[in-house]
């Protein structure tokens, strides 16, 4: 079975990175229509519109709503990284994703 790199990009107006991330995730979780880019190789990118969810999403248990998982906790050091560091981090993430696909950066 082949691998695909699926990305979704949103332009979000927010006060800070944490609020922007929350709004982006909320939009995805709302079950509305979402457009994603699907990359199957270095040159082939297909834009796919995924229809809105017709069924009701499962409710979040009160314990999860009160205590977010550790991955959702805001880390100020990461948000304060210099643009050069962010660029390097993104390049490494892209290289890792391409390595998973068996491609070279």
C-alpha atoms as a PDB file:
ATOM      1  CA  UNK A   1       0.000   0.000   0.000  1.00  0.00           C
ATOM      2  CA  UNK A   2       1.544   3.382  -0.976  1.00  0.00           C
ATOM      3  CA  UNK A   3       2.056   6.347   1.357  1.00  0.00           C
ATOM      4  CA  UNK A   4       0.658   9.822   0.699  1.00  0.00           C
ATOM      5  CA  UNK A   5       1.552  13.162   2.279  1.00  0.00           C
ATOM      6  CA  UNK A   6      -1.769  14.847   3.159  1.00  0.00           C
ATOM      7  CA  UNK A   7      -1.673  18.493   4.222  1.00  0.00           C
ATOM      8  CA  UNK A   8      -4.313  21.038   5.134  1.00  0.00           C
ATOM      9  CA  UNK A   9      -3.481  24.742   5.286  1.00  0.00           C
ATOM     10  CA  UNK A  10      -5.615  27.414   6.926  1.00  0.00           C
ATOM     11  CA  UNK A  11      -5.208  31.153   7.231  1.00  0.00           C
ATOM     12  CA  UNK A  12      -6.450  31.924  10.745  1.00  0.00           C
ATOM     13  CA  UNK A  13      -6.812  35.300  12.439  1.00  0.00           C
ATOM     14  CA  UNK A  14      -5.789  35.039  16.107  1.00  0.00           C
ATOM     15  CA  UNK A  15      -3.998  36.853  18.927  1.00  0.00           C
ATOM     16  CA  UNK A  16      -1.166  34.299  19.201  1.00  0.00           C
ATOM     17  CA  UNK A  17       0.071  30.897  18.013  1.00  0.00           C
ATOM     18  CA  UNK A  18      -1.888  28.972  20.654  1.00  0.00           C
ATOM     19  CA  UNK A  19      -5.191  30.591  19.698  1.00  0.00           C
ATOM     20  CA  UNK A  20      -4.457  30.104  15.980  1.00  0.00           C
ATOM     21  CA  UNK A  21      -3.696  26.423  16.534  1.00  0.00           C
ATOM     22  CA  UNK A  22      -6.887  25.974  18.556  1.00  0.00           C
ATOM     23  CA  UNK A  23      -9.019  27.695  15.903  1.00  0.00           C
ATOM     24  CA  UNK A  24      -7.463  25.575  13.148  1.00  0.00           C
ATOM     25  CA  UNK A  25      -8.060  22.323  15.013  1.00  0.00           C
ATOM     26  CA  UNK A  26     -11.600  23.391  15.972  1.00  0.00           C
ATOM     27  CA  UNK A  27     -12.364  24.065  12.311  1.00  0.00           C
ATOM     28  CA  UNK A  28     -11.156  20.571  11.366  1.00  0.00           C
ATOM     29  CA  UNK A  29     -13.051  18.924  14.212  1.00  0.00           C
ATOM     30  CA  UNK A  30     -16.275  20.782  13.401  1.00  0.00           C
ATOM     31  CA  UNK A  31     -16.988  18.275  10.657  1.00  0.00           C
ATOM     32  CA  UNK A  32     -17.292  20.908   7.939  1.00  0.00           C
ATOM     33  CA  UNK A  33     -15.993  20.609   4.398  1.00  0.00           C
ATOM     34  CA  UNK A  34     -12.172  20.581   4.239  1.00  0.00           C
ATOM     35  CA  UNK A  35      -9.813  20.903   1.273  1.00  0.00           C
ATOM     36  CA  UNK A  36      -6.521  19.014   1.510  1.00  0.00           C
ATOM     37  CA  UNK A  37      -3.501  18.607  -0.746  1.00  0.00           C
ATOM     38  CA  UNK A  38      -2.469  14.992  -1.368  1.00  0.00           C
ATOM     39  CA  UNK A  39       1.082  14.450  -2.592  1.00  0.00           C
ATOM     40  CA  UNK A  40       1.865  11.017  -4.034  1.00  0.00           C
ATOM     41  CA  UNK A  41       5.355  11.812  -5.361  1.00  0.00           C
ATOM     42  CA  UNK A  42       7.660  14.786  -5.931  1.00  0.00           C
ATOM     43  CA  UNK A  43       5.604  16.180  -8.813  1.00  0.00           C
ATOM     44  CA  UNK A  44       2.038  14.961  -8.297  1.00  0.00           C
ATOM     45  CA  UNK A  45      -0.196  16.986  -5.977  1.00  0.00           C
ATOM     46  CA  UNK A  46      -3.959  16.515  -6.022  1.00  0.00           C
ATOM     47  CA  UNK A  47      -6.360  18.826  -4.202  1.00  0.00           C
ATOM     48  CA  UNK A  48      -9.249  16.894  -2.673  1.00  0.00           C
ATOM     49  CA  UNK A  49     -12.386  18.328  -1.074  1.00  0.00           C
ATOM     50  CA  UNK A  50     -13.600  16.127   1.780  1.00  0.00           C
ATOM     51  CA  UNK A  51     -17.326  16.500   2.379  1.00  0.00           C
ATOM     52  CA  UNK A  52     -18.777  17.540   5.716  1.00  0.00           C
ATOM     53  CA  UNK A  53     -19.468  14.824   8.268  1.00  0.00           C
ATOM     54  CA  UNK A  54     -23.120  13.810   8.228  1.00  0.00           C
ATOM     55  CA  UNK A  55     -23.139  12.176  11.652  1.00  0.00           C
ATOM     56  CA  UNK A  56     -22.769  13.794  15.059  1.00  0.00           C
ATOM     57  CA  UNK A  57     -19.224  13.697  16.506  1.00  0.00           C
ATOM     58  CA  UNK A  58     -18.670  11.821  19.739  1.00  0.00           C
ATOM     59  CA  UNK A  59     -18.849  14.022  22.850  1.00  0.00           C
ATOM     60  CA  UNK A  60     -15.609  14.720  24.699  1.00  0.00           C
ATOM     61  CA  UNK A  61     -15.603  13.184  28.180  1.00  0.00           C
ATOM     62  CA  UNK A  62     -15.422  15.856  30.940  1.00  0.00           C
ATOM     63  CA  UNK A  63     -12.079  14.504  32.195  1.00  0.00           C
ATOM     64  CA  UNK A  64     -10.445  15.066  28.760  1.00  0.00           C
ATOM     65  CA  UNK A  65     -11.983  18.519  28.400  1.00  0.00           C
ATOM     66  CA  UNK A  66     -10.623  19.632  31.792  1.00  0.00           C
ATOM     67  CA  UNK A  67      -7.134  18.114  31.390  1.00  0.00           C
ATOM     68  CA  UNK A  68      -5.746  18.473  27.855  1.00  0.00           C
ATOM     69  CA  UNK A  69      -3.274  15.794  26.743  1.00  0.00           C
ATOM     70  CA  UNK A  70       0.409  16.732  27.155  1.00  0.00           C
ATOM     71  CA  UNK A  71       0.811  17.253  23.382  1.00  0.00           C
ATOM     72  CA  UNK A  72      -1.789  20.051  23.490  1.00  0.00           C
ATOM     73  CA  UNK A  73      -0.041  22.017  26.235  1.00  0.00           C
ATOM     74  CA  UNK A  74       1.466  25.289  25.020  1.00  0.00           C
ATOM     75  CA  UNK A  75       5.271  25.338  25.124  1.00  0.00           C
ATOM     76  CA  UNK A  76       6.459  28.964  25.160  1.00  0.00           C
ATOM     77  CA  UNK A  77      10.087  28.112  24.281  1.00  0.00           C
ATOM     78  CA  UNK A  78       8.984  26.662  20.927  1.00  0.00           C
ATOM     79  CA  UNK A  79       6.841  29.695  20.157  1.00  0.00           C
ATOM     80  CA  UNK A  80       9.744  32.052  20.808  1.00  0.00           C
ATOM     81  CA  UNK A  81      12.115  30.282  18.415  1.00  0.00           C
ATOM     82  CA  UNK A  82      13.869  32.536  15.933  1.00  0.00           C
ATOM     83  CA  UNK A  83      12.564  32.411  12.339  1.00  0.00           C
ATOM     84  CA  UNK A  84      15.863  30.797  11.263  1.00  0.00           C
ATOM     85  CA  UNK A  85      15.303  27.984  13.782  1.00  0.00           C
ATOM     86  CA  UNK A  86      11.718  27.493  12.644  1.00  0.00           C
ATOM     87  CA  UNK A  87      12.865  27.231   9.037  1.00  0.00           C
ATOM     88  CA  UNK A  88      15.455  24.599   9.987  1.00  0.00           C
ATOM     89  CA  UNK A  89      12.863  22.657  11.994  1.00  0.00           C
ATOM     90  CA  UNK A  90      10.409  22.725   9.075  1.00  0.00           C
ATOM     91  CA  UNK A  91      13.130  21.566   6.655  1.00  0.00           C
ATOM     92  CA  UNK A  92      13.931  18.645   8.963  1.00  0.00           C
ATOM     93  CA  UNK A  93      10.251  17.748   9.268  1.00  0.00           C
ATOM     94  CA  UNK A  94       9.893  17.802   5.474  1.00  0.00           C
ATOM     95  CA  UNK A  95      13.012  15.661   5.068  1.00  0.00           C
ATOM     96  CA  UNK A  96      11.642  13.155   7.599  1.00  0.00           C
ATOM     97  CA  UNK A  97       8.316  13.021   5.763  1.00  0.00           C
ATOM     98  CA  UNK A  98      10.029  12.487   2.430  1.00  0.00           C
ATOM     99  CA  UNK A  99      12.241   9.808   3.982  1.00  0.00           C
ATOM    100  CA  UNK A 100       9.090   7.985   5.090  1.00  0.00           C
ATOM    101  CA  UNK A 101       7.918   8.120   1.482  1.00  0.00           C
ATOM    102  CA  UNK A 102      11.279   6.832   0.267  1.00  0.00           C
ATOM    103  CA  UNK A 103      12.089  10.134  -1.446  1.00  0.00           C
ATOM    104  CA  UNK A 104      15.105  12.395  -1.042  1.00  0.00           C
ATOM    105  CA  UNK A 105      14.890  16.062  -0.056  1.00  0.00           C
END
